[in-house]
Amino acid sequence: MSILDLQQLLINLDNHEARLRRLETQEIGIATIGGFSLIEERTPSNVSETVFSNIPGTFRHLHLRWITKQLEIAGAVQMGFQFNGDSTANQYVHSNHTVRKNLGDSGEGHFISSGPINLIRDGGITGSDVDVPADEFSYGYAYIPYYITDKWKVIFGRSGGWRVTPILNVDHVMFAGRWKGTAAITSITVSIFLGFPTPLFAGGTKIALYGI
């Protein structure tokens, strides 16, 4: 091997090592910021609930994101969360803080609800009223930290959207809750309730579960 060949080989090795270092840095960066891994996305339609089951225990935290709409025209329809199929009363404690803006009204209303219940509830869900644009959906996200520990589990997040209750308004909700369960969370039931007749998810609804 000539001197020139040896020099070129050393250059190639240096370049290869530099590429490996860049790849390692990228991988470390992803792990450091806690990249989101999609576990499952569900698209419920004409049903009142959907269930994320067989949630793997390989993450530290869970994260939910959604755009939702319900088929009921009016009513205080809300969305709720249950874990591991537990619907026992007083197993959950929730708190909702709602800022409401009535369209055509210059003022704002602030509403707070809290207490024990058989699920943790989010704010209202946009309905299919004729005054609501067809492409208008509620939106939101929620975190469930340390879902595999042997401690009580918590969930907290934000949501918002148009509602008809009975007049058209816009809600922004901050919510939090606790489930008095010490088992790892292996399933999450997302449902809508408090309507008449029984509310149903409308087509176009998307709810995604991520692991962090």
N, C-alpha and C. Protein backbone atom coordinates (compact mmCIF):
# COMPACT_ATOMS: atom_id res chain seq x y z
N MET A 1 0.86 -1.20 0.00
CA MET A 1 0.00 0.00 0.00
C MET A 1 0.89 1.24 0.00
N SER A 2 0.57 2.16 -0.91
CA SER A 2 1.37 3.36 -1.02
C SER A 2 1.04 4.33 0.11
N ILE A 3 1.87 5.36 0.25
CA ILE A 3 1.63 6.40 1.25
C ILE A 3 0.31 7.10 0.98
N LEU A 4 0.03 7.37 -0.30
CA LEU A 4 -1.21 8.05 -0.65
C LEU A 4 -2.43 7.21 -0.29
N ASP A 5 -2.32 5.88 -0.56
CA ASP A 5 -3.43 4.98 -0.21
C ASP A 5 -3.65 4.97 1.30
N LEU A 6 -2.57 4.94 2.06
CA LEU A 6 -2.67 4.93 3.51
C LEU A 6 -3.30 6.22 4.02
N GLN A 7 -2.90 7.35 3.45
CA GLN A 7 -3.48 8.63 3.85
C GLN A 7 -4.97 8.67 3.56
N GLN A 8 -5.38 8.15 2.38
CA GLN A 8 -6.80 8.14 2.03
C GLN A 8 -7.59 7.24 2.97
N LEU A 9 -6.99 6.11 3.36
CA LEU A 9 -7.66 5.19 4.28
C LEU A 9 -7.88 5.86 5.63
N LEU A 10 -6.88 6.60 6.11
CA LEU A 10 -7.01 7.30 7.38
C LEU A 10 -8.09 8.37 7.31
N ILE A 11 -8.15 9.07 6.18
CA ILE A 11 -9.19 10.09 5.99
C ILE A 11 -10.58 9.45 6.02
N ASN A 12 -10.71 8.31 5.31
CA ASN A 12 -12.00 7.62 5.28
C ASN A 12 -12.41 7.15 6.68
N LEU A 13 -11.45 6.65 7.45
CA LEU A 13 -11.74 6.20 8.81
C LEU A 13 -12.18 7.37 9.68
N ASP A 14 -11.52 8.52 9.54
CA ASP A 14 -11.90 9.71 10.30
C ASP A 14 -13.31 10.15 9.95
N ASN A 15 -13.62 10.14 8.65
CA ASN A 15 -14.96 10.54 8.23
C ASN A 15 -16.02 9.58 8.78
N HIS A 16 -15.70 8.28 8.73
CA HIS A 16 -16.64 7.28 9.25
C HIS A 16 -16.86 7.47 10.74
N GLU A 17 -15.79 7.73 11.48
CA GLU A 17 -15.91 7.95 12.93
C GLU A 17 -16.73 9.20 13.22
N ALA A 18 -16.55 10.23 12.43
CA ALA A 18 -17.33 11.47 12.62
C ALA A 18 -18.81 11.21 12.40
N ARG A 19 -19.14 10.42 11.36
CA ARG A 19 -20.54 10.10 11.11
C ARG A 19 -21.14 9.31 12.27
N LEU A 20 -20.38 8.37 12.82
CA LEU A 20 -20.86 7.60 13.97
C LEU A 20 -21.12 8.49 15.17
N ARG A 21 -20.23 9.46 15.39
CA ARG A 21 -20.41 10.38 16.52
C ARG A 21 -21.67 11.21 16.34
N ARG A 22 -21.95 11.66 15.09
CA ARG A 22 -23.16 12.44 14.84
C ARG A 22 -24.41 11.61 15.10
N LEU A 23 -24.39 10.35 14.65
CA LEU A 23 -25.54 9.48 14.88
C LEU A 23 -25.76 9.23 16.37
N GLU A 24 -24.67 9.00 17.11
CA GLU A 24 -24.79 8.79 18.56
C GLU A 24 -25.36 10.03 19.23
N THR A 25 -24.91 11.20 18.80
CA THR A 25 -25.41 12.45 19.38
C THR A 25 -26.90 12.61 19.13
N GLN A 26 -27.34 12.27 17.92
CA GLN A 26 -28.77 12.37 17.61
C GLN A 26 -29.58 11.42 18.46
N GLU A 27 -29.10 10.19 18.62
CA GLU A 27 -29.82 9.21 19.42
C GLU A 27 -29.90 9.64 20.87
N ILE A 28 -28.80 10.14 21.41
CA ILE A 28 -28.78 10.61 22.79
C ILE A 28 -29.72 11.78 22.95
N GLY A 29 -29.75 12.69 21.94
CA GLY A 29 -30.63 13.84 22.02
C GLY A 29 -32.09 13.43 22.08
N ILE A 30 -32.47 12.44 21.29
CA ILE A 30 -33.85 11.98 21.30
C ILE A 30 -34.20 11.41 22.65
N ALA A 31 -33.31 10.60 23.22
CA ALA A 31 -33.58 10.00 24.53
C ALA A 31 -33.65 11.05 25.61
N THR A 32 -32.81 12.08 25.50
CA THR A 32 -32.75 13.10 26.53
C THR A 32 -34.02 13.92 26.60
N ILE A 33 -34.60 14.26 25.44
CA ILE A 33 -35.80 15.07 25.46
C ILE A 33 -37.06 14.23 25.65
N GLY A 34 -36.90 12.92 25.76
CA GLY A 34 -38.05 12.07 26.03
C GLY A 34 -38.99 12.01 24.84
N GLY A 35 -38.53 11.48 23.71
CA GLY A 35 -39.33 11.44 22.49
C GLY A 35 -40.64 10.71 22.70
N PHE A 36 -41.69 11.17 22.00
CA PHE A 36 -43.01 10.58 22.07
C PHE A 36 -43.08 9.37 21.14
N SER A 37 -43.55 8.25 21.66
CA SER A 37 -43.76 7.06 20.85
C SER A 37 -45.25 6.76 20.78
N LEU A 38 -45.80 6.74 19.57
CA LEU A 38 -47.22 6.47 19.42
C LEU A 38 -47.53 5.03 19.80
N ILE A 39 -48.40 4.85 20.80
CA ILE A 39 -48.84 3.52 21.19
C ILE A 39 -50.04 3.11 20.35
N GLU A 40 -51.02 3.99 20.24
CA GLU A 40 -52.22 3.68 19.46
C GLU A 40 -53.01 4.96 19.22
N GLU A 41 -53.65 5.03 18.07
CA GLU A 41 -54.59 6.11 17.77
C GLU A 41 -55.95 5.49 17.49
N ARG A 42 -56.98 6.01 18.13
CA ARG A 42 -58.33 5.49 17.97
C ARG A 42 -59.22 6.55 17.34
N THR A 43 -60.19 6.11 16.55
CA THR A 43 -61.11 7.02 15.85
C THR A 43 -62.55 6.60 16.13
N PRO A 44 -63.02 6.79 17.37
CA PRO A 44 -64.38 6.35 17.71
C PRO A 44 -65.44 7.15 16.94
N SER A 45 -66.48 6.48 16.53
CA SER A 45 -67.58 7.12 15.80
C SER A 45 -68.87 6.38 16.12
N ASN A 46 -69.92 7.14 16.50
CA ASN A 46 -71.22 6.59 16.84
C ASN A 46 -71.16 5.64 18.04
N VAL A 47 -70.20 5.85 18.93
CA VAL A 47 -70.09 5.10 20.18
C VAL A 47 -69.86 6.10 21.30
N SER A 48 -70.14 5.70 22.53
CA SER A 48 -69.99 6.62 23.66
C SER A 48 -68.66 6.45 24.38
N GLU A 49 -67.88 5.44 24.02
CA GLU A 49 -66.58 5.27 24.66
C GLU A 49 -65.63 4.50 23.75
N THR A 50 -64.36 4.63 24.05
CA THR A 50 -63.32 3.86 23.37
C THR A 50 -62.26 3.50 24.40
N VAL A 51 -61.60 2.36 24.20
CA VAL A 51 -60.69 1.84 25.22
C VAL A 51 -59.31 1.59 24.61
N PHE A 52 -58.30 2.14 25.26
CA PHE A 52 -56.91 1.78 24.97
C PHE A 52 -56.56 0.63 25.91
N SER A 53 -56.36 -0.55 25.36
CA SER A 53 -56.10 -1.72 26.20
C SER A 53 -54.69 -2.26 25.95
N ASN A 54 -54.24 -3.13 26.86
CA ASN A 54 -52.91 -3.74 26.74
C ASN A 54 -51.81 -2.69 26.59
N ILE A 55 -51.89 -1.64 27.40
CA ILE A 55 -50.87 -0.59 27.36
C ILE A 55 -49.55 -1.17 27.88
N PRO A 56 -48.47 -1.08 27.12
CA PRO A 56 -47.21 -1.66 27.58
C PRO A 56 -46.64 -0.90 28.77
N GLY A 57 -45.91 -1.60 29.59
CA GLY A 57 -45.30 -0.98 30.77
C GLY A 57 -43.86 -0.58 30.55
N THR A 58 -43.52 -0.23 29.32
CA THR A 58 -42.13 0.04 28.95
C THR A 58 -41.77 1.52 28.93
N PHE A 59 -42.71 2.40 29.32
CA PHE A 59 -42.46 3.84 29.33
C PHE A 59 -42.49 4.36 30.76
N ARG A 60 -42.07 5.61 30.93
CA ARG A 60 -42.20 6.27 32.24
C ARG A 60 -43.54 6.97 32.40
N HIS A 61 -43.98 7.62 31.31
CA HIS A 61 -45.19 8.45 31.38
C HIS A 61 -46.07 8.17 30.17
N LEU A 62 -47.35 8.55 30.28
CA LEU A 62 -48.28 8.47 29.17
C LEU A 62 -48.78 9.87 28.81
N HIS A 63 -49.13 10.03 27.55
CA HIS A 63 -49.61 11.33 27.07
C HIS A 63 -50.76 11.08 26.09
N LEU A 64 -51.87 11.79 26.29
CA LEU A 64 -53.03 11.70 25.41
C LEU A 64 -53.20 13.02 24.64
N ARG A 65 -53.59 12.91 23.38
CA ARG A 65 -53.96 14.08 22.58
C ARG A 65 -55.23 13.76 21.81
N TRP A 66 -56.07 14.77 21.60
CA TRP A 66 -57.32 14.47 20.91
C TRP A 66 -57.90 15.68 20.20
N ILE A 67 -58.68 15.38 19.17
CA ILE A 67 -59.67 16.29 18.62
C ILE A 67 -60.99 15.52 18.65
N THR A 68 -62.03 16.13 19.20
CA THR A 68 -63.27 15.40 19.43
C THR A 68 -64.48 16.22 19.02
N LYS A 69 -65.53 15.48 18.71
CA LYS A 69 -66.82 16.08 18.44
C LYS A 69 -67.88 15.06 18.83
N GLN A 70 -69.06 15.57 19.26
CA GLN A 70 -70.12 14.65 19.65
C GLN A 70 -71.39 14.95 18.86
N LEU A 71 -72.22 13.92 18.73
CA LEU A 71 -73.38 14.00 17.85
C LEU A 71 -74.55 14.73 18.48
N GLU A 72 -74.55 14.90 19.80
CA GLU A 72 -75.67 15.59 20.43
C GLU A 72 -75.63 17.07 20.08
N ILE A 73 -76.78 17.64 19.84
CA ILE A 73 -76.84 19.04 19.44
C ILE A 73 -76.57 19.97 20.61
N ALA A 74 -77.16 19.69 21.76
CA ALA A 74 -77.02 20.58 22.92
C ALA A 74 -76.79 19.76 24.17
N GLY A 75 -76.46 20.44 25.24
CA GLY A 75 -76.25 19.76 26.52
C GLY A 75 -74.82 19.88 26.99
N ALA A 76 -74.64 19.70 28.28
CA ALA A 76 -73.32 19.84 28.89
C ALA A 76 -72.56 18.53 28.78
N VAL A 77 -72.26 18.13 27.56
CA VAL A 77 -71.55 16.88 27.33
C VAL A 77 -70.08 17.06 27.68
N GLN A 78 -69.54 16.10 28.43
CA GLN A 78 -68.15 16.15 28.82
C GLN A 78 -67.46 14.84 28.48
N MET A 79 -66.14 14.83 28.60
CA MET A 79 -65.36 13.63 28.34
C MET A 79 -64.71 13.19 29.64
N GLY A 80 -64.65 11.86 29.84
CA GLY A 80 -64.11 11.35 31.09
C GLY A 80 -63.09 10.24 30.86
N PHE A 81 -62.30 9.98 31.90
CA PHE A 81 -61.24 8.97 31.83
C PHE A 81 -61.38 8.01 33.01
N GLN A 82 -61.27 6.72 32.72
CA GLN A 82 -61.21 5.69 33.74
C GLN A 82 -60.01 4.80 33.46
N PHE A 83 -59.44 4.24 34.51
CA PHE A 83 -58.25 3.42 34.37
C PHE A 83 -58.53 1.98 34.79
N ASN A 84 -58.00 1.06 34.01
CA ASN A 84 -58.09 -0.38 34.30
C ASN A 84 -59.53 -0.84 34.50
N GLY A 85 -60.48 -0.17 33.84
CA GLY A 85 -61.87 -0.57 33.93
C GLY A 85 -62.51 -0.31 35.27
N ASP A 86 -61.89 0.49 36.11
CA ASP A 86 -62.41 0.76 37.46
C ASP A 86 -63.45 1.88 37.39
N SER A 87 -64.71 1.53 37.64
CA SER A 87 -65.80 2.51 37.65
C SER A 87 -66.36 2.71 39.05
N THR A 88 -65.58 2.37 40.06
CA THR A 88 -66.02 2.46 41.45
C THR A 88 -66.16 3.92 41.88
N ALA A 89 -67.31 4.25 42.47
CA ALA A 89 -67.51 5.61 42.97
C ALA A 89 -66.48 5.92 44.06
N ASN A 90 -66.06 7.16 44.10
CA ASN A 90 -65.09 7.67 45.07
C ASN A 90 -63.67 7.15 44.87
N GLN A 91 -63.44 6.41 43.78
CA GLN A 91 -62.07 6.00 43.47
C GLN A 91 -61.32 7.12 42.74
N TYR A 92 -62.07 8.11 42.29
CA TYR A 92 -61.49 9.21 41.54
C TYR A 92 -61.82 10.54 42.22
N VAL A 93 -60.90 11.48 42.12
CA VAL A 93 -61.13 12.85 42.55
C VAL A 93 -60.76 13.75 41.38
N HIS A 94 -61.60 14.73 41.08
CA HIS A 94 -61.32 15.57 39.92
C HIS A 94 -61.49 17.04 40.28
N SER A 95 -60.89 17.89 39.45
CA SER A 95 -61.05 19.34 39.56
C SER A 95 -61.02 19.93 38.17
N ASN A 96 -62.04 20.74 37.85
CA ASN A 96 -62.13 21.40 36.56
C ASN A 96 -62.23 22.91 36.75
N HIS A 97 -61.45 23.65 36.01
CA HIS A 97 -61.49 25.11 36.04
C HIS A 97 -61.76 25.58 34.61
N THR A 98 -62.93 26.17 34.39
CA THR A 98 -63.38 26.52 33.05
C THR A 98 -63.49 28.03 32.89
N VAL A 99 -62.94 28.52 31.80
CA VAL A 99 -63.15 29.91 31.39
C VAL A 99 -64.07 29.87 30.18
N ARG A 100 -65.20 30.57 30.27
CA ARG A 100 -66.20 30.50 29.21
C ARG A 100 -66.45 31.88 28.62
N LYS A 101 -66.45 31.91 27.32
CA LYS A 101 -66.74 33.15 26.58
C LYS A 101 -67.96 32.92 25.72
N ASN A 102 -69.09 33.60 26.06
CA ASN A 102 -70.28 33.51 25.24
C ASN A 102 -70.12 34.38 24.01
N LEU A 103 -70.37 33.83 22.85
CA LEU A 103 -70.24 34.60 21.63
C LEU A 103 -71.27 35.71 21.60
N GLY A 104 -70.83 36.91 21.27
CA GLY A 104 -71.70 38.07 21.29
C GLY A 104 -71.77 38.74 22.65
N ASP A 105 -71.07 38.16 23.63
CA ASP A 105 -71.06 38.71 24.99
C ASP A 105 -69.65 39.19 25.29
N SER A 106 -69.53 40.39 25.83
CA SER A 106 -68.20 40.94 26.09
C SER A 106 -67.57 40.37 27.36
N GLY A 107 -68.35 39.69 28.18
CA GLY A 107 -67.83 39.18 29.44
C GLY A 107 -67.36 37.75 29.36
N GLU A 108 -66.76 37.29 30.45
CA GLU A 108 -66.29 35.92 30.56
C GLU A 108 -66.82 35.33 31.86
N GLY A 109 -67.06 34.02 31.85
CA GLY A 109 -67.48 33.32 33.05
C GLY A 109 -66.42 32.35 33.49
N HIS A 110 -66.26 32.20 34.80
CA HIS A 110 -65.29 31.26 35.37
C HIS A 110 -66.06 30.24 36.20
N PHE A 111 -65.82 28.96 35.94
CA PHE A 111 -66.55 27.90 36.61
C PHE A 111 -65.57 26.90 37.19
N ILE A 112 -65.84 26.44 38.39
CA ILE A 112 -65.00 25.46 39.05
C ILE A 112 -65.89 24.32 39.55
N SER A 113 -65.51 23.10 39.28
CA SER A 113 -66.20 21.95 39.85
C SER A 113 -65.15 20.97 40.35
N SER A 114 -65.45 20.31 41.43
CA SER A 114 -64.50 19.35 41.99
C SER A 114 -65.25 18.38 42.87
N GLY A 115 -64.59 17.31 43.23
CA GLY A 115 -65.18 16.35 44.14
C GLY A 115 -64.95 14.93 43.70
N PRO A 116 -65.40 13.97 44.51
CA PRO A 116 -65.26 12.55 44.16
C PRO A 116 -66.26 12.15 43.10
N ILE A 117 -65.90 11.24 42.26
CA ILE A 117 -66.74 10.80 41.16
C ILE A 117 -66.20 9.46 40.69
N ASN A 118 -66.87 8.79 39.75
CA ASN A 118 -66.39 7.49 39.29
C ASN A 118 -65.53 7.58 38.03
N LEU A 119 -65.10 8.78 37.69
CA LEU A 119 -64.14 8.99 36.60
C LEU A 119 -63.54 10.38 36.75
N ILE A 120 -62.51 10.64 35.99
CA ILE A 120 -61.90 11.98 35.96
C ILE A 120 -62.41 12.67 34.71
N ARG A 121 -62.98 13.85 34.86
CA ARG A 121 -63.62 14.46 33.71
C ARG A 121 -62.89 15.70 33.20
N ASP A 122 -62.95 15.80 31.90
CA ASP A 122 -62.41 16.92 31.16
C ASP A 122 -63.55 17.91 30.95
N GLY A 123 -63.34 18.94 30.17
CA GLY A 123 -64.39 19.91 29.89
C GLY A 123 -65.33 19.45 28.81
N GLY A 124 -66.05 20.38 28.24
CA GLY A 124 -67.08 20.07 27.26
C GLY A 124 -66.53 19.68 25.91
N ILE A 125 -67.38 19.02 25.15
CA ILE A 125 -67.02 18.57 23.81
C ILE A 125 -67.89 19.31 22.80
N THR A 126 -67.29 19.77 21.74
CA THR A 126 -68.02 20.47 20.69
C THR A 126 -69.12 19.57 20.12
N GLY A 127 -70.30 20.15 19.96
CA GLY A 127 -71.44 19.41 19.42
C GLY A 127 -71.62 19.63 17.94
N SER A 128 -72.65 18.99 17.40
CA SER A 128 -72.93 19.08 15.97
C SER A 128 -74.07 20.05 15.69
N ASP A 129 -74.16 21.12 16.46
CA ASP A 129 -75.20 22.11 16.28
C ASP A 129 -75.03 22.83 14.95
N VAL A 130 -76.12 23.30 14.41
CA VAL A 130 -76.06 23.98 13.10
C VAL A 130 -75.24 25.26 13.17
N ASP A 131 -75.11 25.85 14.37
CA ASP A 131 -74.35 27.09 14.51
C ASP A 131 -72.85 26.84 14.61
N VAL A 132 -72.45 25.58 14.77
CA VAL A 132 -71.04 25.24 14.89
C VAL A 132 -70.51 24.81 13.52
N PRO A 133 -69.43 25.41 13.04
CA PRO A 133 -68.88 25.00 11.74
C PRO A 133 -68.59 23.50 11.71
N ALA A 134 -68.79 22.89 10.57
CA ALA A 134 -68.62 21.44 10.46
C ALA A 134 -67.21 20.99 10.79
N ASP A 135 -66.24 21.84 10.52
CA ASP A 135 -64.85 21.46 10.75
C ASP A 135 -64.34 21.90 12.12
N GLU A 136 -65.23 22.39 12.97
CA GLU A 136 -64.82 22.82 14.32
C GLU A 136 -64.88 21.63 15.27
N PHE A 137 -63.74 21.32 15.90
CA PHE A 137 -63.65 20.22 16.84
C PHE A 137 -63.07 20.71 18.16
N SER A 138 -63.43 20.04 19.24
CA SER A 138 -62.74 20.27 20.50
C SER A 138 -61.32 19.73 20.39
N TYR A 139 -60.47 20.15 21.29
CA TYR A 139 -59.07 19.74 21.25
C TYR A 139 -58.58 19.62 22.69
N GLY A 140 -57.50 18.89 22.88
CA GLY A 140 -56.96 18.80 24.23
C GLY A 140 -55.79 17.85 24.33
N TYR A 141 -55.18 17.85 25.51
CA TYR A 141 -54.09 16.92 25.81
C TYR A 141 -54.08 16.66 27.31
N ALA A 142 -53.45 15.56 27.68
CA ALA A 142 -53.35 15.21 29.10
C ALA A 142 -52.12 14.37 29.33
N TYR A 143 -51.51 14.53 30.51
CA TYR A 143 -50.36 13.75 30.92
C TYR A 143 -50.73 12.82 32.07
N ILE A 144 -50.13 11.63 32.07
CA ILE A 144 -50.26 10.68 33.17
C ILE A 144 -48.84 10.28 33.55
N PRO A 145 -48.25 10.94 34.55
CA PRO A 145 -46.86 10.64 34.89
C PRO A 145 -46.73 9.36 35.71
N TYR A 146 -45.65 8.64 35.50
CA TYR A 146 -45.28 7.46 36.29
C TYR A 146 -46.46 6.50 36.45
N TYR A 147 -46.96 6.05 35.31
CA TYR A 147 -48.18 5.24 35.29
C TYR A 147 -47.95 3.79 35.73
N ILE A 148 -46.69 3.36 35.90
CA ILE A 148 -46.44 1.97 36.30
C ILE A 148 -45.99 1.86 37.76
N THR A 149 -45.97 2.96 38.50
CA THR A 149 -45.56 2.89 39.89
C THR A 149 -46.69 2.30 40.74
N ASP A 150 -46.36 1.97 42.00
CA ASP A 150 -47.35 1.41 42.92
C ASP A 150 -47.99 2.51 43.77
N LYS A 151 -48.03 3.72 43.24
CA LYS A 151 -48.66 4.86 43.94
C LYS A 151 -49.97 5.24 43.23
N TRP A 152 -50.80 6.05 43.89
CA TRP A 152 -52.00 6.56 43.22
C TRP A 152 -51.59 7.34 41.98
N LYS A 153 -52.40 7.25 40.94
CA LYS A 153 -52.07 7.86 39.65
C LYS A 153 -52.79 9.19 39.48
N VAL A 154 -52.14 10.11 38.76
CA VAL A 154 -52.73 11.42 38.50
C VAL A 154 -52.77 11.66 36.99
N ILE A 155 -53.68 12.53 36.59
CA ILE A 155 -53.79 12.97 35.20
C ILE A 155 -54.10 14.46 35.22
N PHE A 156 -53.49 15.21 34.31
CA PHE A 156 -53.77 16.65 34.25
C PHE A 156 -53.59 17.12 32.82
N GLY A 157 -54.35 18.15 32.45
CA GLY A 157 -54.23 18.63 31.09
C GLY A 157 -55.11 19.84 30.81
N ARG A 158 -55.27 20.12 29.52
CA ARG A 158 -56.07 21.27 29.08
C ARG A 158 -56.90 20.85 27.87
N SER A 159 -57.99 21.58 27.68
CA SER A 159 -58.83 21.32 26.51
C SER A 159 -59.62 22.58 26.19
N GLY A 160 -60.31 22.56 25.07
CA GLY A 160 -61.12 23.70 24.70
C GLY A 160 -61.96 23.39 23.48
N GLY A 161 -62.87 24.30 23.17
CA GLY A 161 -63.71 24.12 21.99
C GLY A 161 -65.03 24.84 22.12
N TRP A 162 -65.81 24.80 21.08
CA TRP A 162 -67.14 25.40 21.07
C TRP A 162 -68.12 24.46 21.75
N ARG A 163 -69.07 25.06 22.49
CA ARG A 163 -70.12 24.27 23.12
C ARG A 163 -71.46 25.00 22.98
N VAL A 164 -72.53 24.23 23.12
CA VAL A 164 -73.88 24.79 23.12
C VAL A 164 -74.54 24.36 24.42
N THR A 165 -74.69 25.27 25.38
CA THR A 165 -75.16 24.86 26.71
C THR A 165 -76.06 25.89 27.41
N PRO A 166 -77.18 26.35 26.89
CA PRO A 166 -77.74 26.05 25.58
C PRO A 166 -77.34 27.07 24.51
N ILE A 167 -76.58 28.11 24.89
CA ILE A 167 -76.17 29.09 23.88
C ILE A 167 -74.74 28.82 23.46
N LEU A 168 -74.39 29.33 22.30
CA LEU A 168 -73.07 29.06 21.75
C LEU A 168 -72.00 29.80 22.55
N ASN A 169 -70.96 29.08 22.96
CA ASN A 169 -69.87 29.70 23.69
C ASN A 169 -68.59 28.94 23.43
N VAL A 170 -67.50 29.51 23.89
CA VAL A 170 -66.19 28.89 23.75
C VAL A 170 -65.63 28.64 25.15
N ASP A 171 -65.21 27.42 25.41
CA ASP A 171 -64.66 27.04 26.71
C ASP A 171 -63.17 26.76 26.60
N HIS A 172 -62.46 27.14 27.64
CA HIS A 172 -61.08 26.68 27.82
C HIS A 172 -61.01 26.09 29.22
N VAL A 173 -60.55 24.83 29.31
CA VAL A 173 -60.63 24.08 30.57
C VAL A 173 -59.24 23.61 30.99
N MET A 174 -58.94 23.81 32.26
CA MET A 174 -57.80 23.16 32.90
C MET A 174 -58.36 22.12 33.86
N PHE A 175 -57.87 20.91 33.81
CA PHE A 175 -58.43 19.86 34.65
C PHE A 175 -57.31 18.99 35.23
N ALA A 176 -57.63 18.35 36.33
CA ALA A 176 -56.70 17.43 36.96
C ALA A 176 -57.50 16.43 37.77
N GLY A 177 -56.91 15.28 38.03
CA GLY A 177 -57.61 14.29 38.82
C GLY A 177 -56.65 13.22 39.33
N ARG A 178 -57.18 12.41 40.23
CA ARG A 178 -56.38 11.35 40.83
C ARG A 178 -57.20 10.07 40.86
N TRP A 179 -56.55 8.97 40.52
CA TRP A 179 -57.17 7.64 40.64
C TRP A 179 -56.51 6.92 41.80
N LYS A 180 -57.30 6.43 42.71
CA LYS A 180 -56.78 5.77 43.90
C LYS A 180 -56.47 4.30 43.59
N GLY A 181 -55.68 4.09 42.59
CA GLY A 181 -55.25 2.75 42.21
C GLY A 181 -53.74 2.65 42.26
N THR A 182 -53.25 1.55 42.79
CA THR A 182 -51.79 1.37 42.91
C THR A 182 -51.24 0.43 41.86
N ALA A 183 -52.11 -0.19 41.06
CA ALA A 183 -51.64 -1.06 39.99
C ALA A 183 -51.17 -0.23 38.80
N ALA A 184 -50.26 -0.78 38.03
CA ALA A 184 -49.83 -0.12 36.79
C ALA A 184 -51.04 0.05 35.87
N ILE A 185 -51.10 1.18 35.19
CA ILE A 185 -52.21 1.42 34.26
C ILE A 185 -51.99 0.59 33.00
N THR A 186 -52.93 -0.30 32.72
CA THR A 186 -52.85 -1.15 31.53
C THR A 186 -53.97 -0.85 30.53
N SER A 187 -54.98 -0.07 30.95
CA SER A 187 -56.03 0.33 30.01
C SER A 187 -56.60 1.68 30.42
N ILE A 188 -57.04 2.44 29.43
CA ILE A 188 -57.66 3.74 29.65
C ILE A 188 -58.96 3.77 28.85
N THR A 189 -60.07 4.03 29.54
CA THR A 189 -61.36 4.17 28.89
C THR A 189 -61.67 5.66 28.75
N VAL A 190 -61.91 6.10 27.54
CA VAL A 190 -62.28 7.48 27.27
C VAL A 190 -63.74 7.49 26.84
N SER A 191 -64.58 8.25 27.56
CA SER A 191 -66.01 8.21 27.29
C SER A 191 -66.58 9.62 27.32
N ILE A 192 -67.79 9.77 26.78
CA ILE A 192 -68.51 11.03 26.89
C ILE A 192 -69.83 10.76 27.60
N PHE A 193 -70.32 11.76 28.34
CA PHE A 193 -71.45 11.53 29.22
C PHE A 193 -72.15 12.85 29.52
N LEU A 194 -73.14 12.80 30.38
CA LEU A 194 -73.92 13.96 30.84
C LEU A 194 -74.76 14.58 29.74
N GLY A 195 -75.17 13.79 28.78
CA GLY A 195 -76.01 14.32 27.73
C GLY A 195 -77.35 13.60 27.68
N PHE A 196 -78.30 14.14 26.95
CA PHE A 196 -79.57 13.47 26.72
C PHE A 196 -80.04 13.80 25.31
N PRO A 197 -80.25 12.82 24.44
CA PRO A 197 -80.05 11.40 24.74
C PRO A 197 -78.58 11.07 24.93
N THR A 198 -78.26 9.78 25.10
CA THR A 198 -76.87 9.39 25.34
C THR A 198 -75.98 9.95 24.24
N PRO A 199 -74.97 10.73 24.60
CA PRO A 199 -74.10 11.33 23.57
C PRO A 199 -73.20 10.28 22.94
N LEU A 200 -72.81 10.56 21.71
CA LEU A 200 -71.93 9.66 20.97
C LEU A 200 -70.82 10.47 20.32
N PHE A 201 -69.65 9.87 20.17
CA PHE A 201 -68.58 10.51 19.42
C PHE A 201 -68.99 10.63 17.96
N ALA A 202 -68.67 11.75 17.37
CA ALA A 202 -68.96 11.97 15.95
C ALA A 202 -67.77 11.55 15.11
N GLY A 203 -68.03 11.27 13.83
CA GLY A 203 -66.96 10.95 12.91
C GLY A 203 -65.94 12.07 12.83
N GLY A 204 -64.69 11.72 12.64
CA GLY A 204 -63.61 12.70 12.61
C GLY A 204 -62.89 12.81 13.93
N THR A 205 -63.46 12.24 15.00
CA THR A 205 -62.81 12.23 16.30
C THR A 205 -61.54 11.39 16.23
N LYS A 206 -60.48 11.91 16.81
CA LYS A 206 -59.20 11.19 16.88
C LYS A 206 -58.64 11.34 18.30
N ILE A 207 -58.24 10.23 18.88
CA ILE A 207 -57.64 10.22 20.21
C ILE A 207 -56.39 9.36 20.14
N ALA A 208 -55.24 9.94 20.46
CA ALA A 208 -53.97 9.24 20.34
C ALA A 208 -53.32 9.10 21.72
N LEU A 209 -52.74 7.94 21.95
CA LEU A 209 -52.02 7.64 23.19
C LEU A 209 -50.55 7.47 22.87
N TYR A 210 -49.70 8.21 23.58
CA TYR A 210 -48.26 8.14 23.40
C TYR A 210 -47.58 7.68 24.69
N GLY A 211 -46.44 7.04 24.53
CA GLY A 211 -45.58 6.74 25.66
C GLY A 211 -44.37 7.64 25.62
N ILE A 212 -43.90 8.02 26.80
CA ILE A 212 -42.74 8.92 26.91
C ILE A 212 -41.68 8.22 27.75
